[in-house]
Amino acid sequence: LNKAILYKYIFDIDNPICREKGVNYISFQF
């Protein structure tokens, strides 16, 4: 119905991510 149910985020300022040039990988696990 186009209604938002869940909202998840990750900020580099809190947890450094994707610092390498080229391809980087991250995941979220429920």
Full PDB file with SEQRES, HELIX, SHEET, SSBOND, CRYST1, ORIGX, SCALE, CONECT and MASTER records, all heavy atoms in Angstrom:
SEQRES   1 A   30  LEU ASN LYS ALA ILE LEU TYR LYS TYR ILE PHE ASP ILE          
SEQRES   2 A   30  ASP ASN PRO ILE CYS ARG GLU LYS GLY VAL ASN TYR ILE          
SEQRES   3 A   30  SER PHE GLN PHE                                              
CRYST1    1.000    1.000    1.000  90.00  90.00  90.00 P 1           1          
ORIGX1      1.000000  0.000000  0.000000        0.00000                         
ORIGX2      0.000000  1.000000  0.000000        0.00000                         
ORIGX3      0.000000  0.000000  1.000000        0.00000                         
SCALE1      1.000000  0.000000  0.000000        0.00000                         
SCALE2      0.000000  1.000000  0.000000        0.00000                         
SCALE3      0.000000  0.000000  1.000000        0.00000                         
ATOM      1  N   LEU A   1       0.828  -1.211   0.000  1.00  0.00           N  
ATOM      2  CA  LEU A   1       0.000   0.000   0.000  1.00  0.00           C  
ATOM      3  C   LEU A   1       0.861   1.259   0.000  1.00  0.00           C  
ATOM      4  O   LEU A   1       0.391   2.359   0.250  1.00  0.00           O  
ATOM      5  CB  LEU A   1      -0.939   0.014   1.206  1.00  0.00           C  
ATOM      6  CG  LEU A   1      -2.002  -1.077   1.261  1.00  0.00           C  
ATOM      7  CD1 LEU A   1      -2.831  -0.941   2.525  1.00  0.00           C  
ATOM      8  CD2 LEU A   1      -2.893  -1.032   0.037  1.00  0.00           C  
ATOM      9  N   ASN A   2       2.164   1.082  -0.276  1.00  0.00           N  
ATOM     10  CA  ASN A   2       3.117   2.199  -0.305  1.00  0.00           C  
ATOM     11  C   ASN A   2       3.278   2.874   1.051  1.00  0.00           C  
ATOM     12  O   ASN A   2       3.544   4.070   1.127  1.00  0.00           O  
ATOM     13  CB  ASN A   2       2.716   3.250  -1.361  1.00  0.00           C  
ATOM     14  CG  ASN A   2       3.101   2.820  -2.764  1.00  0.00           C  
ATOM     15  OD1 ASN A   2       3.680   1.758  -2.961  1.00  0.00           O  
ATOM     16  ND2 ASN A   2       2.797   3.647  -3.736  1.00  0.00           N  
ATOM     17  N   LYS A   3       3.113   2.105   2.128  1.00  0.00           N  
ATOM     18  CA  LYS A   3       3.293   2.630   3.475  1.00  0.00           C  
ATOM     19  C   LYS A   3       4.607   2.124   4.058  1.00  0.00           C  
ATOM     20  O   LYS A   3       4.896   0.928   4.011  1.00  0.00           O  
ATOM     21  CB  LYS A   3       2.124   2.216   4.386  1.00  0.00           C  
ATOM     22  CG  LYS A   3       0.785   2.816   3.988  1.00  0.00           C  
ATOM     23  CD  LYS A   3       0.802   4.328   4.123  1.00  0.00           C  
ATOM     24  CE  LYS A   3      -0.546   4.936   3.792  1.00  0.00           C  
ATOM     25  NZ  LYS A   3      -0.516   6.415   3.861  1.00  0.00           N  
ATOM     26  N   ALA A   4       5.415   3.055   4.611  1.00  0.00           N  
ATOM     27  CA  ALA A   4       6.700   2.667   5.194  1.00  0.00           C  
ATOM     28  C   ALA A   4       6.470   1.884   6.485  1.00  0.00           C  
ATOM     29  O   ALA A   4       5.730   2.328   7.361  1.00  0.00           O  
ATOM     30  CB  ALA A   4       7.537   3.910   5.466  1.00  0.00           C  
ATOM     31  N   ILE A   5       7.125   0.733   6.603  1.00  0.00           N  
ATOM     32  CA  ILE A   5       6.951  -0.133   7.773  1.00  0.00           C  
ATOM     33  C   ILE A   5       8.186  -0.108   8.668  1.00  0.00           C  
ATOM     34  O   ILE A   5       8.080   0.017   9.888  1.00  0.00           O  
ATOM     35  CB  ILE A   5       6.669  -1.586   7.329  1.00  0.00           C  
ATOM     36  CG1 ILE A   5       5.530  -1.626   6.307  1.00  0.00           C  
ATOM     37  CG2 ILE A   5       6.355  -2.448   8.539  1.00  0.00           C  
ATOM     38  CD1 ILE A   5       4.232  -1.034   6.777  1.00  0.00           C  
ATOM     39  N   LEU A   6       9.359  -0.241   8.067  1.00  0.00           N  
ATOM     40  CA  LEU A   6      10.614  -0.285   8.813  1.00  0.00           C  
ATOM     41  C   LEU A   6      11.605   0.717   8.237  1.00  0.00           C  
ATOM     42  O   LEU A   6      11.589   1.003   7.039  1.00  0.00           O  
ATOM     43  CB  LEU A   6      11.241  -1.685   8.739  1.00  0.00           C  
ATOM     44  CG  LEU A   6      10.569  -2.800   9.542  1.00  0.00           C  
ATOM     45  CD1 LEU A   6      11.195  -4.139   9.172  1.00  0.00           C  
ATOM     46  CD2 LEU A   6      10.709  -2.569  11.034  1.00  0.00           C  
ATOM     47  N   TYR A   7      12.492   1.221   9.120  1.00  0.00           N  
ATOM     48  CA  TYR A   7      13.486   2.213   8.713  1.00  0.00           C  
ATOM     49  C   TYR A   7      14.801   1.887   9.412  1.00  0.00           C  
ATOM     50  O   TYR A   7      14.861   1.837  10.643  1.00  0.00           O  
ATOM     51  CB  TYR A   7      12.987   3.607   9.100  1.00  0.00           C  
ATOM     52  CG  TYR A   7      13.963   4.741   8.866  1.00  0.00           C  
ATOM     53  CD1 TYR A   7      14.291   5.144   7.579  1.00  0.00           C  
ATOM     54  CD2 TYR A   7      14.525   5.424   9.947  1.00  0.00           C  
ATOM     55  CE1 TYR A   7      15.166   6.196   7.365  1.00  0.00           C  
ATOM     56  CE2 TYR A   7      15.407   6.482   9.741  1.00  0.00           C  
ATOM     57  CZ  TYR A   7      15.721   6.862   8.444  1.00  0.00           C  
ATOM     58  OH  TYR A   7      16.592   7.895   8.233  1.00  0.00           O  
ATOM     59  N   LYS A   8      15.855   1.615   8.631  1.00  0.00           N  
ATOM     60  CA  LYS A   8      17.159   1.291   9.194  1.00  0.00           C  
ATOM     61  C   LYS A   8      18.230   2.110   8.476  1.00  0.00           C  
ATOM     62  O   LYS A   8      18.125   2.356   7.279  1.00  0.00           O  
ATOM     63  CB  LYS A   8      17.467  -0.205   9.044  1.00  0.00           C  
ATOM     64  CG  LYS A   8      16.512  -1.130   9.791  1.00  0.00           C  
ATOM     65  CD  LYS A   8      16.661  -0.997  11.296  1.00  0.00           C  
ATOM     66  CE  LYS A   8      15.744  -1.940  12.041  1.00  0.00           C  
ATOM     67  NZ  LYS A   8      15.872  -1.786  13.514  1.00  0.00           N  
ATOM     68  N   TYR A   9      19.264   2.504   9.232  1.00  0.00           N  
ATOM     69  CA  TYR A   9      20.319   3.320   8.626  1.00  0.00           C  
ATOM     70  C   TYR A   9      21.652   3.043   9.297  1.00  0.00           C  
ATOM     71  O   TYR A   9      21.726   2.509  10.409  1.00  0.00           O  
ATOM     72  CB  TYR A   9      19.975   4.811   8.746  1.00  0.00           C  
ATOM     73  CG  TYR A   9      19.806   5.287  10.176  1.00  0.00           C  
ATOM     74  CD1 TYR A   9      20.887   5.687  10.943  1.00  0.00           C  
ATOM     75  CD2 TYR A   9      18.534   5.316  10.755  1.00  0.00           C  
ATOM     76  CE1 TYR A   9      20.721   6.109  12.250  1.00  0.00           C  
ATOM     77  CE2 TYR A   9      18.362   5.733  12.061  1.00  0.00           C  
ATOM     78  CZ  TYR A   9      19.461   6.128  12.812  1.00  0.00           C  
ATOM     79  OH  TYR A   9      19.299   6.534  14.110  1.00  0.00           O  
ATOM     80  N   ILE A  10      22.724   3.408   8.584  1.00  0.00           N  
ATOM     81  CA  ILE A  10      24.070   3.368   9.146  1.00  0.00           C  
ATOM     82  C   ILE A  10      24.818   4.606   8.661  1.00  0.00           C  
ATOM     83  O   ILE A  10      24.770   4.939   7.471  1.00  0.00           O  
ATOM     84  CB  ILE A  10      24.821   2.068   8.759  1.00  0.00           C  
ATOM     85  CG1 ILE A  10      26.193   2.032   9.445  1.00  0.00           C  
ATOM     86  CG2 ILE A  10      24.930   1.902   7.255  1.00  0.00           C  
ATOM     87  CD1 ILE A  10      26.897   0.687   9.320  1.00  0.00           C  
ATOM     88  N   PHE A  11      25.445   5.334   9.588  1.00  0.00           N  
ATOM     89  CA  PHE A  11      26.199   6.545   9.269  1.00  0.00           C  
ATOM     90  C   PHE A  11      27.692   6.270   9.431  1.00  0.00           C  
ATOM     91  O   PHE A  11      28.130   5.726  10.445  1.00  0.00           O  
ATOM     92  CB  PHE A  11      25.799   7.704  10.184  1.00  0.00           C  
ATOM     93  CG  PHE A  11      24.437   8.276   9.900  1.00  0.00           C  
ATOM     94  CD1 PHE A  11      23.863   9.191  10.774  1.00  0.00           C  
ATOM     95  CD2 PHE A  11      23.723   7.916   8.775  1.00  0.00           C  
ATOM     96  CE1 PHE A  11      22.614   9.733  10.526  1.00  0.00           C  
ATOM     97  CE2 PHE A  11      22.474   8.447   8.511  1.00  0.00           C  
ATOM     98  CZ  PHE A  11      21.914   9.353   9.386  1.00  0.00           C  
ATOM     99  N   ASP A  12      28.443   6.692   8.454  1.00  0.00           N  
ATOM    100  CA  ASP A  12      29.900   6.538   8.501  1.00  0.00           C  
ATOM    101  C   ASP A  12      30.493   7.272   9.697  1.00  0.00           C  
ATOM    102  O   ASP A  12      31.489   6.831  10.283  1.00  0.00           O  
ATOM    103  CB  ASP A  12      30.508   7.066   7.199  1.00  0.00           C  
ATOM    104  CG  ASP A  12      32.025   7.093   7.228  1.00  0.00           C  
ATOM    105  OD1 ASP A  12      32.637   6.039   7.026  1.00  0.00           O  
ATOM    106  OD2 ASP A  12      32.597   8.189   7.463  1.00  0.00           O  
ATOM    107  N   ILE A  13      29.862   8.376  10.090  1.00  0.00           N  
ATOM    108  CA  ILE A  13      30.382   9.172  11.201  1.00  0.00           C  
ATOM    109  C   ILE A  13      30.325   8.382  12.513  1.00  0.00           C  
ATOM    110  O   ILE A  13      31.128   8.591  13.425  1.00  0.00           O  
ATOM    111  CB  ILE A  13      29.609  10.509  11.317  1.00  0.00           C  
ATOM    112  CG1 ILE A  13      30.346  11.468  12.254  1.00  0.00           C  
ATOM    113  CG2 ILE A  13      28.180  10.276  11.771  1.00  0.00           C  
ATOM    114  CD1 ILE A  13      29.750  12.864  12.236  1.00  0.00           C  
ATOM    115  N   ASP A  14      29.383   7.429  12.632  1.00  0.00           N  
ATOM    116  CA  ASP A  14      29.258   6.601  13.831  1.00  0.00           C  
ATOM    117  C   ASP A  14      30.057   5.305  13.716  1.00  0.00           C  
ATOM    118  O   ASP A  14      30.586   4.800  14.705  1.00  0.00           O  
ATOM    119  CB  ASP A  14      27.785   6.262  14.081  1.00  0.00           C  
ATOM    120  CG  ASP A  14      26.942   7.503  14.299  1.00  0.00           C  
ATOM    121  OD1 ASP A  14      27.444   8.454  14.922  1.00  0.00           O  
ATOM    122  OD2 ASP A  14      25.786   7.513  13.832  1.00  0.00           O  
ATOM    123  N   ASN A  15      30.085   4.772  12.507  1.00  0.00           N  
ATOM    124  CA  ASN A  15      30.723   3.480  12.269  1.00  0.00           C  
ATOM    125  C   ASN A  15      31.342   3.509  10.871  1.00  0.00           C  
ATOM    126  O   ASN A  15      30.617   3.363   9.889  1.00  0.00           O  
ATOM    127  CB  ASN A  15      29.678   2.365  12.375  1.00  0.00           C  
ATOM    128  CG  ASN A  15      30.282   0.996  12.209  1.00  0.00           C  
ATOM    129  OD1 ASN A  15      31.490   0.810  12.321  1.00  0.00           O  
ATOM    130  ND2 ASN A  15      29.429   0.019  11.917  1.00  0.00           N  
ATOM    131  N   PRO A  16      32.654   3.768  10.750  1.00  0.00           N  
ATOM    132  CA  PRO A  16      33.275   3.930   9.434  1.00  0.00           C  
ATOM    133  C   PRO A  16      32.938   2.784   8.469  1.00  0.00           C  
ATOM    134  O   PRO A  16      33.088   1.602   8.813  1.00  0.00           O  
ATOM    135  CB  PRO A  16      34.774   3.942   9.754  1.00  0.00           C  
ATOM    136  CG  PRO A  16      34.839   4.462  11.149  1.00  0.00           C  
ATOM    137  CD  PRO A  16      33.638   3.889  11.850  1.00  0.00           C  
ATOM    138  N   ILE A  17      32.440   3.160   7.292  1.00  0.00           N  
ATOM    139  CA  ILE A  17      32.058   2.163   6.280  1.00  0.00           C  
ATOM    140  C   ILE A  17      32.576   2.596   4.917  1.00  0.00           C  
ATOM    141  O   ILE A  17      32.765   3.790   4.652  1.00  0.00           O  
ATOM    142  CB  ILE A  17      30.523   1.985   6.208  1.00  0.00           C  
ATOM    143  CG1 ILE A  17      29.837   3.337   5.941  1.00  0.00           C  
ATOM    144  CG2 ILE A  17      29.971   1.331   7.459  1.00  0.00           C  
ATOM    145  CD1 ILE A  17      28.358   3.219   5.613  1.00  0.00           C  
ATOM    146  N   CYS A  18      32.793   1.635   4.049  1.00  0.00           N  
ATOM    147  CA  CYS A  18      33.098   1.874   2.644  1.00  0.00           C  
ATOM    148  C   CYS A  18      34.237   2.884   2.453  1.00  0.00           C  
ATOM    149  O   CYS A  18      34.107   3.833   1.670  1.00  0.00           O  
ATOM    150  CB  CYS A  18      31.846   2.331   1.908  1.00  0.00           C  
ATOM    151  SG  CYS A  18      30.454   1.201   2.041  1.00  0.00           S  
ATOM    152  N   ARG A  19      35.327   2.686   3.150  1.00  0.00           N  
ATOM    153  CA  ARG A  19      36.448   3.629   3.067  1.00  0.00           C  
ATOM    154  C   ARG A  19      37.426   3.283   1.928  1.00  0.00           C  
ATOM    155  O   ARG A  19      38.316   4.065   1.624  1.00  0.00           O  
ATOM    156  CB  ARG A  19      37.204   3.657   4.400  1.00  0.00           C  
ATOM    157  CG  ARG A  19      36.418   4.307   5.550  1.00  0.00           C  
ATOM    158  CD  ARG A  19      36.177   5.780   5.291  1.00  0.00           C  
ATOM    159  NE  ARG A  19      35.469   6.446   6.358  1.00  0.00           N  
ATOM    160  CZ  ARG A  19      36.065   7.076   7.373  1.00  0.00           C  
ATOM    161  NH1 ARG A  19      37.376   7.084   7.474  1.00  0.00           N  
ATOM    162  NH2 ARG A  19      35.340   7.668   8.297  1.00  0.00           N  
ATOM    163  N   GLU A  20      37.281   2.095   1.322  1.00  0.00           N  
ATOM    164  CA  GLU A  20      38.201   1.697   0.261  1.00  0.00           C  
ATOM    165  C   GLU A  20      37.689   2.136  -1.108  1.00  0.00           C  
ATOM    166  O   GLU A  20      36.485   2.112  -1.367  1.00  0.00           O  
ATOM    167  CB  GLU A  20      38.389   0.185   0.268  1.00  0.00           C  
ATOM    168  CG  GLU A  20      39.057  -0.349   1.520  1.00  0.00           C  
ATOM    169  CD  GLU A  20      39.260  -1.850   1.460  1.00  0.00           C  
ATOM    170  OE1 GLU A  20      39.021  -2.434   0.384  1.00  0.00           O  
ATOM    171  OE2 GLU A  20      39.664  -2.431   2.486  1.00  0.00           O  
ATOM    172  N   LYS A  21      38.612   2.531  -1.982  1.00  0.00           N  
ATOM    173  CA  LYS A  21      38.248   2.875  -3.352  1.00  0.00           C  
ATOM    174  C   LYS A  21      37.824   1.604  -4.081  1.00  0.00           C  
ATOM    175  O   LYS A  21      38.418   0.542  -3.918  1.00  0.00           O  
ATOM    176  CB  LYS A  21      39.424   3.523  -4.069  1.00  0.00           C  
ATOM    177  CG  LYS A  21      39.106   3.961  -5.502  1.00  0.00           C  
ATOM    178  CD  LYS A  21      40.293   4.644  -6.160  1.00  0.00           C  
ATOM    179  CE  LYS A  21      39.949   5.056  -7.591  1.00  0.00           C  
ATOM    180  NZ  LYS A  21      41.090   5.726  -8.263  1.00  0.00           N  
ATOM    181  N   GLY A  22      36.765   1.721  -4.898  1.00  0.00           N  
ATOM    182  CA  GLY A  22      36.255   0.557  -5.616  1.00  0.00           C  
ATOM    183  C   GLY A  22      35.073  -0.068  -4.907  1.00  0.00           C  
ATOM    184  O   GLY A  22      34.298   0.618  -4.243  1.00  0.00           O  
ATOM    185  N   VAL A  23      34.950  -1.388  -4.998  1.00  0.00           N  
ATOM    186  CA  VAL A  23      33.775  -2.088  -4.489  1.00  0.00           C  
ATOM    187  C   VAL A  23      33.903  -2.374  -2.990  1.00  0.00           C  
ATOM    188  O   VAL A  23      34.929  -2.878  -2.531  1.00  0.00           O  
ATOM    189  CB  VAL A  23      33.548  -3.402  -5.252  1.00  0.00           C  
ATOM    190  CG1 VAL A  23      32.326  -4.137  -4.692  1.00  0.00           C  
ATOM    191  CG2 VAL A  23      33.350  -3.128  -6.737  1.00  0.00           C  
ATOM    192  N   ASN A  24      32.840  -2.021  -2.230  1.00  0.00           N  
ATOM    193  CA  ASN A  24      32.760  -2.296  -0.801  1.00  0.00           C  
ATOM    194  C   ASN A  24      31.460  -3.064  -0.528  1.00  0.00           C  
ATOM    195  O   ASN A  24      30.486  -2.958  -1.289  1.00  0.00           O  
ATOM    196  CB  ASN A  24      32.745  -0.996   0.007  1.00  0.00           C  
ATOM    197  CG  ASN A  24      34.059  -0.225  -0.100  1.00  0.00           C  
ATOM    198  OD1 ASN A  24      34.855  -0.229   0.808  1.00  0.00           O  
ATOM    199  ND2 ASN A  24      34.284   0.469  -1.222  1.00  0.00           N  
ATOM    200  N   TYR A  25      31.449  -3.815   0.585  1.00  0.00           N  
ATOM    201  CA  TYR A  25      30.283  -4.642   0.895  1.00  0.00           C  
ATOM    202  C   TYR A  25      29.809  -4.377   2.324  1.00  0.00           C  
ATOM    203  O   TYR A  25      30.609  -4.335   3.256  1.00  0.00           O  
ATOM    204  CB  TYR A  25      30.624  -6.131   0.752  1.00  0.00           C  
ATOM    205  CG  TYR A  25      31.105  -6.516  -0.626  1.00  0.00           C  
ATOM    206  CD1 TYR A  25      32.467  -6.537  -0.919  1.00  0.00           C  
ATOM    207  CD2 TYR A  25      30.208  -6.850  -1.639  1.00  0.00           C  
ATOM    208  CE1 TYR A  25      32.927  -6.885  -2.181  1.00  0.00           C  
ATOM    209  CE2 TYR A  25      30.658  -7.200  -2.903  1.00  0.00           C  
ATOM    210  CZ  TYR A  25      32.014  -7.219  -3.172  1.00  0.00           C  
ATOM    211  OH  TYR A  25      32.464  -7.554  -4.419  1.00  0.00           O  
ATOM    212  N   ILE A  26      28.496  -4.205   2.489  1.00  0.00           N  
ATOM    213  CA  ILE A  26      27.888  -4.160   3.820  1.00  0.00           C  
ATOM    214  C   ILE A  26      26.580  -4.941   3.769  1.00  0.00           C  
ATOM    215  O   ILE A  26      26.006  -5.167   2.688  1.00  0.00           O  
ATOM    216  CB  ILE A  26      27.621  -2.716   4.323  1.00  0.00           C  
ATOM    217  CG1 ILE A  26      26.653  -1.983   3.385  1.00  0.00           C  
ATOM    218  CG2 ILE A  26      28.909  -1.931   4.485  1.00  0.00           C  
ATOM    219  CD1 ILE A  26      26.205  -0.640   3.937  1.00  0.00           C  
ATOM    220  N   SER A  27      26.084  -5.367   4.917  1.00  0.00           N  
ATOM    221  CA  SER A  27      24.846  -6.151   4.987  1.00  0.00           C  
ATOM    222  C   SER A  27      24.049  -5.753   6.217  1.00  0.00           C  
ATOM    223  O   SER A  27      24.582  -5.167   7.160  1.00  0.00           O  
ATOM    224  CB  SER A  27      25.160  -7.657   5.064  1.00  0.00           C  
ATOM    225  OG  SER A  27      25.892  -8.091   3.952  1.00  0.00           O  
ATOM    226  N   PHE A  28      22.770  -6.081   6.181  1.00  0.00           N  
ATOM    227  CA  PHE A  28      21.913  -5.947   7.370  1.00  0.00           C  
ATOM    228  C   PHE A  28      21.216  -7.278   7.588  1.00  0.00           C  
ATOM    229  O   PHE A  28      20.603  -7.831   6.671  1.00  0.00           O  
ATOM    230  CB  PHE A  28      20.885  -4.835   7.218  1.00  0.00           C  
ATOM    231  CG  PHE A  28      20.153  -4.546   8.506  1.00  0.00           C  
ATOM    232  CD1 PHE A  28      20.605  -3.560   9.365  1.00  0.00           C  
ATOM    233  CD2 PHE A  28      19.029  -5.282   8.883  1.00  0.00           C  
ATOM    234  CE1 PHE A  28      19.957  -3.305  10.575  1.00  0.00           C  
ATOM    235  CE2 PHE A  28      18.381  -5.032  10.079  1.00  0.00           C  
ATOM    236  CZ  PHE A  28      18.850  -4.041  10.926  1.00  0.00           C  
ATOM    237  N   GLN A  29      21.275  -7.776   8.825  1.00  0.00           N  
ATOM    238  CA  GLN A  29      20.704  -9.076   9.164  1.00  0.00           C  
ATOM    239  C   GLN A  29      19.549  -8.925  10.153  1.00  0.00           C  
ATOM    240  O   GLN A  29      19.719  -8.353  11.236  1.00  0.00           O  
ATOM    241  CB  GLN A  29      21.778  -9.972   9.782  1.00  0.00           C  
ATOM    242  CG  GLN A  29      21.269 -11.294  10.325  1.00  0.00           C  
ATOM    243  CD  GLN A  29      21.021 -12.320   9.237  1.00  0.00           C  
ATOM    244  OE1 GLN A  29      21.841 -12.483   8.343  1.00  0.00           O  
ATOM    245  NE2 GLN A  29      19.873 -12.998   9.292  1.00  0.00           N  
ATOM    246  N   PHE A  30      18.358  -9.401   9.761  1.00  0.00           N  
ATOM    247  CA  PHE A  30      17.244  -9.553  10.699  1.00  0.00           C  
ATOM    248  C   PHE A  30      17.305 -10.987  11.228  1.00  0.00           C  
ATOM    249  O   PHE A  30      17.212 -11.935  10.443  1.00  0.00           O  
ATOM    250  CB  PHE A  30      15.891  -9.350  10.006  1.00  0.00           C  
ATOM    251  CG  PHE A  30      15.607  -7.946   9.568  1.00  0.00           C  
ATOM    252  CD1 PHE A  30      15.940  -7.540   8.285  1.00  0.00           C  
ATOM    253  CD2 PHE A  30      14.987  -7.052  10.413  1.00  0.00           C  
ATOM    254  CE1 PHE A  30      15.663  -6.248   7.861  1.00  0.00           C  
ATOM    255  CE2 PHE A  30      14.705  -5.766  10.004  1.00  0.00           C  
ATOM    256  CZ  PHE A  30      15.051  -5.357   8.724  1.00  0.00           C  
TER     257      PHE A  30                                                      
MASTER        0    0    0    0    0    0    0    6  256    1    0    3          
END                                                                             
